[in-house]
PDB file of all heavy atoms in Angstrom:
ATOM      1  N   ARG A   1       0.812  -1.186   0.007  1.00  0.00           N
ATOM      2  CA  ARG A   1      -0.026  -0.016  -0.003  1.00  0.00           C
ATOM      3  C   ARG A   1       0.846   1.253  -0.008  1.00  0.00           C
ATOM      4  O   ARG A   1       0.529   2.239  -0.697  1.00  0.00           O
ATOM      5  CB  ARG A   1      -0.936   0.000   1.222  1.00  0.00           C
ATOM      6  CG  ARG A   1      -2.098  -0.970   1.070  1.00  0.00           C
ATOM      7  CD  ARG A   1      -2.816  -1.155   2.404  1.00  0.00           C
ATOM      8  NE  ARG A   1      -3.296   0.084   2.961  1.00  0.00           N
ATOM      9  CZ  ARG A   1      -4.513   0.589   2.724  1.00  0.00           C
ATOM     10  NH1 ARG A   1      -5.318  -0.061   1.913  1.00  0.00           N
ATOM     11  NH2 ARG A   1      -4.876   1.732   3.254  1.00  0.00           N
ATOM     12  N   ALA A   2       1.946   1.255   0.716  1.00  0.00           N
ATOM     13  CA  ALA A   2       2.846   2.389   0.767  1.00  0.00           C
ATOM     14  C   ALA A   2       3.460   2.682  -0.560  1.00  0.00           C
ATOM     15  O   ALA A   2       3.569   3.827  -1.043  1.00  0.00           O
ATOM     16  CB  ALA A   2       3.946   2.182   1.811  1.00  0.00           C
ATOM     17  N   LYS A   3       3.806   1.614  -1.297  1.00  0.00           N
ATOM     18  CA  LYS A   3       4.339   1.789  -2.661  1.00  0.00           C
ATOM     19  C   LYS A   3       3.308   2.408  -3.584  1.00  0.00           C
ATOM     20  O   LYS A   3       3.585   3.298  -4.391  1.00  0.00           O
ATOM     21  CB  LYS A   3       4.834   0.434  -3.180  1.00  0.00           C
ATOM     22  CG  LYS A   3       5.395   0.514  -4.630  1.00  0.00           C
ATOM     23  CD  LYS A   3       5.861  -0.858  -5.105  1.00  0.00           C
ATOM     24  CE  LYS A   3       6.356  -0.783  -6.532  1.00  0.00           C
ATOM     25  NZ  LYS A   3       6.771  -2.114  -7.031  1.00  0.00           N
ATOM     26  N   LEU A   4       2.088   1.894  -3.503  1.00  0.00           N
ATOM     27  CA  LEU A   4       1.002   2.388  -4.329  1.00  0.00           C
ATOM     28  C   LEU A   4       0.712   3.880  -4.045  1.00  0.00           C
ATOM     29  O   LEU A   4       0.596   4.718  -4.960  1.00  0.00           O
ATOM     30  CB  LEU A   4      -0.270   1.601  -4.132  1.00  0.00           C
ATOM     31  CG  LEU A   4      -1.549   2.073  -4.815  1.00  0.00           C
ATOM     32  CD1 LEU A   4      -1.372   2.094  -6.318  1.00  0.00           C
ATOM     33  CD2 LEU A   4      -2.734   1.224  -4.414  1.00  0.00           C
ATOM     34  N   PHE A   5       0.614   4.202  -2.766  1.00  0.00           N
ATOM     35  CA  PHE A   5       0.282   5.600  -2.373  1.00  0.00           C
ATOM     36  C   PHE A   5       1.424   6.542  -2.723  1.00  0.00           C
ATOM     37  O   PHE A   5       1.170   7.718  -3.012  1.00  0.00           O
ATOM     38  CB  PHE A   5      -0.021   5.649  -0.887  1.00  0.00           C
ATOM     39  CG  PHE A   5      -1.247   4.857  -0.474  1.00  0.00           C
ATOM     40  CD1 PHE A   5      -1.414   4.404   0.812  1.00  0.00           C
ATOM     41  CD2 PHE A   5      -2.194   4.504  -1.426  1.00  0.00           C
ATOM     42  CE1 PHE A   5      -2.514   3.664   1.198  1.00  0.00           C
ATOM     43  CE2 PHE A   5      -3.325   3.762  -1.060  1.00  0.00           C
ATOM     44  CZ  PHE A   5      -3.467   3.358   0.247  1.00  0.00           C
ATOM     45  N   ALA A   6       2.647   6.050  -2.696  1.00  0.00           N
ATOM     46  CA  ALA A   6       3.769   6.890  -3.151  1.00  0.00           C
ATOM     47  C   ALA A   6       3.686   7.220  -4.640  1.00  0.00           C
ATOM     48  O   ALA A   6       3.965   8.382  -5.044  1.00  0.00           O
ATOM     49  CB  ALA A   6       5.104   6.194  -2.830  1.00  0.00           C
ATOM     50  N   LEU A   7       3.290   6.266  -5.459  1.00  0.00           N
ATOM     51  CA  LEU A   7       3.119   6.547  -6.896  1.00  0.00           C
ATOM     52  C   LEU A   7       1.976   7.549  -7.098  1.00  0.00           C
ATOM     53  O   LEU A   7       2.046   8.322  -8.039  1.00  0.00           O
ATOM     54  CB  LEU A   7       2.851   5.225  -7.616  1.00  0.00           C
ATOM     55  CG  LEU A   7       4.021   4.237  -7.754  1.00  0.00           C
ATOM     56  CD1 LEU A   7       3.558   2.918  -8.361  1.00  0.00           C
ATOM     57  CD2 LEU A   7       5.135   4.821  -8.592  1.00  0.00           C
ATOM     58  N   MET A   8       0.970   7.442  -6.265  1.00  0.00           N
ATOM     59  CA  MET A   8      -0.176   8.356  -6.384  1.00  0.00           C
ATOM     60  C   MET A   8       0.124   9.709  -5.779  1.00  0.00           C
ATOM     61  O   MET A   8      -0.651  10.628  -5.946  1.00  0.00           O
ATOM     62  CB  MET A   8      -1.401   7.732  -5.739  1.00  0.00           C
ATOM     63  CG  MET A   8      -1.891   6.459  -6.366  1.00  0.00           C
ATOM     64  SD  MET A   8      -3.188   5.651  -5.353  1.00  0.00           S
ATOM     65  CE  MET A   8      -4.376   6.951  -5.226  1.00  0.00           C
ATOM     66  N   ALA A   9       1.205   9.847  -5.019  1.00  0.00           N
ATOM     67  CA  ALA A   9       1.581  11.075  -4.341  1.00  0.00           C
ATOM     68  C   ALA A   9       0.518  11.509  -3.326  1.00  0.00           C
ATOM     69  O   ALA A   9       0.170  12.665  -3.181  1.00  0.00           O
ATOM     70  CB  ALA A   9       1.853  12.205  -5.330  1.00  0.00           C
ATOM     71  N   LEU A  10      -0.064  10.512  -2.628  1.00  0.00           N
ATOM     72  CA  LEU A  10      -1.045  10.823  -1.602  1.00  0.00           C
ATOM     73  C   LEU A  10      -0.341  11.365  -0.367  1.00  0.00           C
ATOM     74  O   LEU A  10       0.831  11.024  -0.083  1.00  0.00           O
ATOM     75  CB  LEU A  10      -1.836   9.590  -1.212  1.00  0.00           C
ATOM     76  CG  LEU A  10      -2.788   9.011  -2.255  1.00  0.00           C
ATOM     77  CD1 LEU A  10      -3.521   7.826  -1.688  1.00  0.00           C
ATOM     78  CD2 LEU A  10      -3.752  10.041  -2.759  1.00  0.00           C
ATOM     79  N   PRO A  11      -0.974  12.242   0.411  1.00  0.00           N
ATOM     80  CA  PRO A  11      -0.386  12.736   1.645  1.00  0.00           C
ATOM     81  C   PRO A  11      -0.208  11.589   2.638  1.00  0.00           C
ATOM     82  O   PRO A  11      -0.945  10.598   2.608  1.00  0.00           O
ATOM     83  CB  PRO A  11      -1.387  13.787   2.114  1.00  0.00           C
ATOM     84  CG  PRO A  11      -2.639  13.469   1.464  1.00  0.00           C
ATOM     85  CD  PRO A  11      -2.283  12.862   0.133  1.00  0.00           C
ATOM     86  N   PRO A  12       0.751  11.753   3.580  1.00  0.00           N
ATOM     87  CA  PRO A  12       0.990  10.611   4.556  1.00  0.00           C
ATOM     88  C   PRO A  12      -0.242  10.267   5.389  1.00  0.00           C
ATOM     89  O   PRO A  12      -0.360   9.145   5.854  1.00  0.00           O
ATOM     90  CB  PRO A  12       2.103  11.194   5.458  1.00  0.00           C
ATOM     91  CG  PRO A  12       2.768  12.226   4.596  1.00  0.00           C
ATOM     92  CD  PRO A  12       1.690  12.814   3.767  1.00  0.00           C
ATOM     93  N   THR A  13      -1.126  11.223   5.619  1.00  0.00           N
ATOM     94  CA  THR A  13      -2.320  10.938   6.419  1.00  0.00           C
ATOM     95  C   THR A  13      -3.409  10.173   5.681  1.00  0.00           C
ATOM     96  O   THR A  13      -4.337   9.617   6.269  1.00  0.00           O
ATOM     97  CB  THR A  13      -2.932  12.276   6.955  1.00  0.00           C
ATOM     98  OG1 THR A  13      -3.199  13.111   5.818  1.00  0.00           O
ATOM     99  CG2 THR A  13      -1.923  12.960   7.864  1.00  0.00           C
ATOM    100  N   ALA A  14      -3.306  10.097   4.363  1.00  0.00           N
ATOM    101  CA  ALA A  14      -4.313   9.458   3.544  1.00  0.00           C
ATOM    102  C   ALA A  14      -4.005   7.948   3.442  1.00  0.00           C
ATOM    103  O   ALA A  14      -2.885   7.593   3.104  1.00  0.00           O
ATOM    104  CB  ALA A  14      -4.422  10.040   2.159  1.00  0.00           C
ATOM    105  N   SER A  15      -4.968   7.110   3.748  1.00  0.00           N
ATOM    106  CA  SER A  15      -4.786   5.648   3.654  1.00  0.00           C
ATOM    107  C   SER A  15      -6.111   5.006   3.319  1.00  0.00           C
ATOM    108  O   SER A  15      -6.744   4.296   4.125  1.00  0.00           O
ATOM    109  CB  SER A  15      -4.248   5.093   4.970  1.00  0.00           C
ATOM    110  OG  SER A  15      -4.004   3.703   4.856  1.00  0.00           O
ATOM    111  N   PRO A  16      -6.592   5.230   2.078  1.00  0.00           N
ATOM    112  CA  PRO A  16      -7.934   4.690   1.709  1.00  0.00           C
ATOM    113  C   PRO A  16      -7.910   3.194   1.539  1.00  0.00           C
ATOM    114  O   PRO A  16      -6.843   2.596   1.256  1.00  0.00           O
ATOM    115  CB  PRO A  16      -8.209   5.413   0.388  1.00  0.00           C
ATOM    116  CG  PRO A  16      -6.864   5.663  -0.203  1.00  0.00           C
ATOM    117  CD  PRO A  16      -5.981   5.990   0.985  1.00  0.00           C
ATOM    118  N   ASP A  17      -9.058   2.581   1.730  1.00  0.00           N
ATOM    119  CA  ASP A  17      -9.201   1.157   1.493  1.00  0.00           C
ATOM    120  C   ASP A  17      -9.259   0.916  -0.004  1.00  0.00           C
ATOM    121  O   ASP A  17      -9.633   1.787  -0.772  1.00  0.00           O
ATOM    122  CB  ASP A  17     -10.462   0.645   2.163  1.00  0.00           C
ATOM    123  CG  ASP A  17     -10.399   0.681   3.693  1.00  0.00           C
ATOM    124  OD1 ASP A  17      -9.264   0.592   4.188  1.00  0.00           O
ATOM    125  OD2 ASP A  17     -11.410   0.896   4.322  1.00  0.00           O
ATOM    126  N   LEU A  18      -8.882  -0.267  -0.414  1.00  0.00           N
ATOM    127  CA  LEU A  18      -8.877  -0.631  -1.854  1.00  0.00           C
ATOM    128  C   LEU A  18     -10.098  -1.414  -2.186  1.00  0.00           C
ATOM    129  O   LEU A  18     -10.564  -2.252  -1.406  1.00  0.00           O
ATOM    130  CB  LEU A  18      -7.650  -1.469  -2.181  1.00  0.00           C
ATOM    131  CG  LEU A  18      -6.284  -0.881  -1.845  1.00  0.00           C
ATOM    132  CD1 LEU A  18      -5.160  -1.794  -2.350  1.00  0.00           C
ATOM    133  CD2 LEU A  18      -6.116   0.518  -2.400  1.00  0.00           C
ATOM    134  N   SER A  19     -10.692  -1.065  -3.308  1.00  0.00           N
ATOM    135  CA  SER A  19     -11.855  -1.806  -3.791  1.00  0.00           C
ATOM    136  C   SER A  19     -11.433  -2.573  -5.057  1.00  0.00           C
ATOM    137  O   SER A  19     -10.572  -2.109  -5.814  1.00  0.00           O
ATOM    138  CB  SER A  19     -13.004  -0.851  -4.099  1.00  0.00           C
ATOM    139  OG  SER A  19     -12.710   0.022  -5.168  1.00  0.00           O
ATOM    140  N   GLY A  20     -12.091  -3.631  -5.279  1.00  0.00           N
ATOM    141  CA  GLY A  20     -11.754  -4.432  -6.475  1.00  0.00           C
ATOM    142  C   GLY A  20     -11.394  -5.861  -6.120  1.00  0.00           C
ATOM    143  O   GLY A  20     -11.349  -6.221  -4.920  1.00  0.00           O
ATOM    144  N   THR A  21     -11.165  -6.604  -7.113  1.00  0.00           N
ATOM    145  CA  THR A  21     -10.812  -8.006  -6.892  1.00  0.00           C
ATOM    146  C   THR A  21      -9.805  -8.462  -7.946  1.00  0.00           C
ATOM    147  O   THR A  21      -9.659  -7.833  -8.983  1.00  0.00           O
ATOM    148  CB  THR A  21     -12.096  -8.897  -7.023  1.00  0.00           C
ATOM    149  OG1 THR A  21     -11.708 -10.284  -6.907  1.00  0.00           O
ATOM    150  CG2 THR A  21     -12.803  -8.680  -8.326  1.00  0.00           C
ATOM    151  N   LEU A  22      -9.143  -9.524  -7.654  1.00  0.00           N
ATOM    152  CA  LEU A  22      -8.162 -10.058  -8.618  1.00  0.00           C
ATOM    153  C   LEU A  22      -8.833 -10.825  -9.738  1.00  0.00           C
ATOM    154  O   LEU A  22      -8.197 -11.156 -10.738  1.00  0.00           O
ATOM    155  CB  LEU A  22      -7.174 -11.000  -7.901  1.00  0.00           C
ATOM    156  CG  LEU A  22      -6.178 -10.306  -6.950  1.00  0.00           C
ATOM    157  CD1 LEU A  22      -5.363 -11.358  -6.208  1.00  0.00           C
ATOM    158  CD2 LEU A  22      -5.293  -9.366  -7.680  1.00  0.00           C
ATOM    159  N   ASN A  23     -10.144 -11.142  -9.585  1.00  0.00           N
ATOM    160  CA  ASN A  23     -10.883 -11.811 -10.657  1.00  0.00           C
ATOM    161  C   ASN A  23     -11.255 -10.797 -11.713  1.00  0.00           C
ATOM    162  O   ASN A  23     -12.113  -9.962 -11.490  1.00  0.00           O
ATOM    163  CB  ASN A  23     -12.160 -12.490 -10.090  1.00  0.00           C
ATOM    164  CG  ASN A  23     -11.855 -13.735  -9.359  1.00  0.00           C
ATOM    165  OD1 ASN A  23     -11.278 -14.658  -9.915  1.00  0.00           O
ATOM    166  ND2 ASN A  23     -12.183 -13.788  -8.088  1.00  0.00           N
ATOM    167  N   GLY A  24     -10.573 -10.843 -12.819  1.00  0.00           N
ATOM    168  CA  GLY A  24     -10.841  -9.912 -13.924  1.00  0.00           C
ATOM    169  C   GLY A  24     -11.747 -10.516 -14.935  1.00  0.00           C
ATOM    170  O   GLY A  24     -12.169 -11.687 -14.867  1.00  0.00           O
ATOM    171  N   ASN A  25     -12.137  -9.670 -15.908  1.00  0.00           N
ATOM    172  CA  ASN A  25     -13.002 -10.146 -16.990  1.00  0.00           C
ATOM    173  C   ASN A  25     -12.197 -11.076 -17.954  1.00  0.00           C
ATOM    174  O   ASN A  25     -10.970 -10.996 -18.011  1.00  0.00           O
ATOM    175  CB  ASN A  25     -13.550  -8.970 -17.754  1.00  0.00           C
ATOM    176  CG  ASN A  25     -14.457  -8.085 -16.899  1.00  0.00           C
ATOM    177  OD1 ASN A  25     -15.111  -8.586 -16.018  1.00  0.00           O
ATOM    178  ND2 ASN A  25     -14.430  -6.800 -17.180  1.00  0.00           N
ATOM    179  N   ASP A  26     -12.942 -11.888 -18.647  1.00  0.00           N
ATOM    180  CA  ASP A  26     -12.294 -12.753 -19.628  1.00  0.00           C
ATOM    181  C   ASP A  26     -11.684 -11.922 -20.734  1.00  0.00           C
ATOM    182  O   ASP A  26     -12.232 -10.870 -21.155  1.00  0.00           O
ATOM    183  CB  ASP A  26     -13.280 -13.737 -20.223  1.00  0.00           C
ATOM    184  CG  ASP A  26     -13.767 -14.738 -19.176  1.00  0.00           C
ATOM    185  OD1 ASP A  26     -13.032 -14.996 -18.217  1.00  0.00           O
ATOM    186  OD2 ASP A  26     -14.903 -15.245 -19.330  1.00  0.00           O
TER     187      ASP A  26
END
């Protein structure tokens, strides 16, 4: 999560939950 938020340049206080699943469409 820290790596992802660094790429997004989120502030240190921001830590949103992730939505989605690894099951993708065909």
